[in-house]
N, C-alpha and C. Protein backbone atom coordinates (compact mmCIF):
# COMPACT_ATOMS: atom_id res chain seq x y z
N MET A 1 29.08 45.52 154.98
CA MET A 1 27.75 45.19 153.76
C MET A 1 27.99 45.23 152.23
N LYS A 2 27.70 44.12 151.65
CA LYS A 2 28.00 43.93 149.87
C LYS A 2 26.65 44.25 149.07
N TYR A 3 26.04 44.80 148.38
CA TYR A 3 25.01 44.90 147.72
C TYR A 3 25.46 44.03 146.16
N LYS A 4 24.15 43.99 145.53
CA LYS A 4 24.52 43.94 144.20
C LYS A 4 23.59 44.15 143.77
N VAL A 5 23.58 44.59 141.93
CA VAL A 5 22.57 45.20 141.99
C VAL A 5 22.51 44.90 139.97
N GLU A 6 21.10 44.22 140.07
CA GLU A 6 21.10 43.82 138.12
C GLU A 6 19.68 43.94 137.41
N SER A 7 19.94 44.37 135.85
CA SER A 7 18.80 44.45 135.78
C SER A 7 18.37 42.81 135.44
N ILE A 8 16.68 42.77 135.53
CA ILE A 8 15.98 42.01 135.34
C ILE A 8 14.89 41.71 134.69
N GLY A 9 15.21 43.44 133.67
CA GLY A 9 14.02 43.49 132.41
C GLY A 9 12.59 43.71 133.04
N ALA A 10 11.48 43.97 131.62
CA ALA A 10 10.41 44.23 132.33
C ALA A 10 9.46 43.30 131.82
N GLU A 11 10.09 42.35 131.47
CA GLU A 11 8.64 41.60 130.95
C GLU A 11 8.21 40.39 131.81
N PHE A 12 6.39 40.68 132.21
CA PHE A 12 6.17 39.78 133.30
C PHE A 12 5.12 38.57 132.70
N SER A 13 5.88 38.16 131.81
CA SER A 13 5.10 36.84 131.43
C SER A 13 5.08 35.42 132.25
N ASN A 14 4.86 34.54 132.60
CA ASN A 14 5.09 33.29 133.47
C ASN A 14 6.25 32.57 133.64
N LYS A 15 7.22 32.88 131.62
CA LYS A 15 8.25 32.30 132.19
C LYS A 15 9.25 33.59 132.26
N ALA A 16 9.34 34.44 132.41
CA ALA A 16 10.03 35.43 133.28
C ALA A 16 9.61 35.48 134.62
N ILE A 17 8.43 34.98 135.24
CA ILE A 17 8.66 34.86 136.47
C ILE A 17 9.16 33.51 137.56
N SER A 18 9.01 32.94 136.45
CA SER A 18 10.16 31.29 136.73
C SER A 18 11.59 31.35 136.78
N ASP A 19 11.88 32.75 135.84
CA ASP A 19 13.56 32.84 135.94
C ASP A 19 13.74 33.84 136.43
N PHE A 20 12.87 34.84 137.36
CA PHE A 20 13.55 35.41 138.09
C PHE A 20 13.20 35.27 139.65
N GLU A 21 12.27 33.75 140.01
CA GLU A 21 12.45 32.76 141.21
C GLU A 21 13.67 32.25 140.90
N GLU A 22 14.10 31.32 139.74
CA GLU A 22 15.56 30.63 139.97
C GLU A 22 16.31 31.73 140.02
N LEU A 23 17.11 33.14 139.76
CA LEU A 23 17.45 34.00 139.55
C LEU A 23 17.75 34.38 141.45
N LEU A 24 16.64 34.70 141.84
CA LEU A 24 16.45 35.10 144.02
C LEU A 24 17.06 33.82 144.53
N GLU A 25 16.92 32.45 143.74
CA GLU A 25 17.46 30.96 144.33
C GLU A 25 19.44 30.93 144.14
N ALA A 26 19.30 31.18 143.00
CA ALA A 26 20.99 31.42 143.02
C ALA A 26 21.49 32.73 143.72
N ARG A 27 20.80 34.03 144.02
CA ARG A 27 21.61 35.04 144.63
C ARG A 27 21.16 33.90 146.28
N ALA A 28 20.62 34.01 146.52
CA ALA A 28 20.49 33.26 147.94
C ALA A 28 21.64 32.00 148.26
N ALA A 29 21.49 31.13 147.29
CA ALA A 29 22.41 30.64 147.61
C ALA A 29 24.41 30.97 147.30
N GLY A 30 24.02 32.03 146.62
CA GLY A 30 25.89 33.05 146.33
C GLY A 30 25.97 33.19 147.78
N GLY A 31 25.02 33.43 149.44
CA GLY A 31 25.05 34.16 150.25
C GLY A 31 24.13 35.30 150.13
N TYR A 32 23.14 36.17 148.79
CA TYR A 32 22.87 37.32 149.08
C TYR A 32 21.26 37.18 149.23
N LYS A 33 20.59 38.07 150.18
CA LYS A 33 19.34 37.96 150.65
C LYS A 33 18.72 39.56 149.90
N PHE A 34 17.61 39.17 149.03
CA PHE A 34 17.13 39.90 148.33
C PHE A 34 16.06 40.90 148.84
N HIS A 35 17.02 42.58 148.59
CA HIS A 35 16.27 43.76 149.18
C HIS A 35 15.47 44.45 148.71
N SER A 36 15.22 44.73 147.35
CA SER A 36 14.35 45.12 146.52
C SER A 36 14.08 45.57 145.26
N VAL A 37 13.04 46.13 144.49
CA VAL A 37 13.82 45.72 143.19
C VAL A 37 12.83 47.71 142.74
N PHE A 38 13.55 48.34 141.63
CA PHE A 38 12.82 49.64 141.37
C PHE A 38 12.97 49.50 139.99
N GLN A 39 11.98 51.23 139.54
CA GLN A 39 11.92 50.75 138.25
C GLN A 39 13.18 51.90 137.68
N VAL A 40 13.50 51.98 136.61
CA VAL A 40 14.14 53.14 135.89
C VAL A 40 14.10 53.53 134.20
N THR A 41 14.29 54.76 134.15
CA THR A 41 13.89 54.67 132.81
C THR A 41 14.85 55.52 132.34
N GLN A 42 15.35 55.11 131.24
CA GLN A 42 16.74 55.66 130.48
C GLN A 42 16.05 56.51 129.12
N PRO A 43 16.06 57.71 128.69
CA PRO A 43 15.40 58.52 127.62
C PRO A 43 16.47 58.34 126.70
N GLY A 44 15.59 58.80 125.44
CA GLY A 44 16.08 57.70 123.79
C GLY A 44 17.12 58.54 123.96
N CYS A 45 18.07 58.09 122.33
CA CYS A 45 19.62 58.66 122.03
C CYS A 45 19.21 60.44 122.13
N LEU A 46 19.60 61.41 122.56
CA LEU A 46 19.64 62.58 122.37
C LEU A 46 18.64 63.25 122.98
N GLY A 47 18.00 62.50 123.54
CA GLY A 47 16.84 62.83 123.87
C GLY A 47 15.55 62.97 122.79
N VAL A 48 15.51 61.92 121.95
CA VAL A 48 15.10 61.88 120.76
C VAL A 48 14.52 60.59 120.78
N GLY A 49 13.72 59.67 120.57
CA GLY A 49 12.98 58.77 120.10
C GLY A 49 12.32 58.67 121.53
N GLN A 50 11.96 57.02 121.22
CA GLN A 50 11.61 56.24 122.64
C GLN A 50 12.98 55.79 123.71
N GLY A 51 12.19 55.98 124.27
CA GLY A 51 12.99 55.74 126.51
C GLY A 51 12.96 54.18 126.47
N THR A 52 13.26 53.76 127.60
CA THR A 52 13.22 52.24 127.58
C THR A 52 12.93 52.35 129.43
N THR A 53 12.47 51.18 129.55
CA THR A 53 12.21 51.29 130.90
C THR A 53 12.46 49.39 131.44
N THR A 54 13.16 49.64 132.32
CA THR A 54 13.67 47.84 133.03
C THR A 54 13.32 48.21 134.86
N TYR A 55 13.48 47.00 135.46
CA TYR A 55 13.80 46.97 136.44
C TYR A 55 14.85 46.31 136.77
N LEU A 56 15.07 47.40 138.62
CA LEU A 56 16.61 46.80 138.45
C LEU A 56 16.39 45.85 139.82
N ALA A 57 16.91 44.80 140.49
CA ALA A 57 16.74 44.03 141.51
C ALA A 57 17.90 44.69 142.45
N VAL A 58 18.11 44.21 143.71
CA VAL A 58 18.88 44.53 144.62
C VAL A 58 18.87 44.10 145.39
N TYR A 59 20.45 43.23 145.57
CA TYR A 59 20.72 42.16 146.65
C TYR A 59 21.16 42.82 147.77
N VAL A 60 21.59 42.36 149.31
CA VAL A 60 22.72 42.22 150.19
C VAL A 60 23.25 41.13 150.70
N LYS A 61 24.37 41.67 151.09
CA LYS A 61 25.00 40.43 151.76
C LYS A 61 25.94 40.91 152.88
N ASP A 62 25.52 40.42 153.86
CA ASP A 62 26.36 41.02 155.21
C ASP A 62 27.91 40.12 155.82
């Protein structure tokens, strides 16, 4: 089984949702099935400043 993990950002506008649909369709055309999405947070530089949050999509291919 192969896995593909990629950042899909943290924006949830209508355009971002449409773009995500297109991404899912492109991955499916490449033989990958959507598995899950999870949130990750990266702390600010040297622990100072505001951290960033994004979402990662996971796909699997048999």
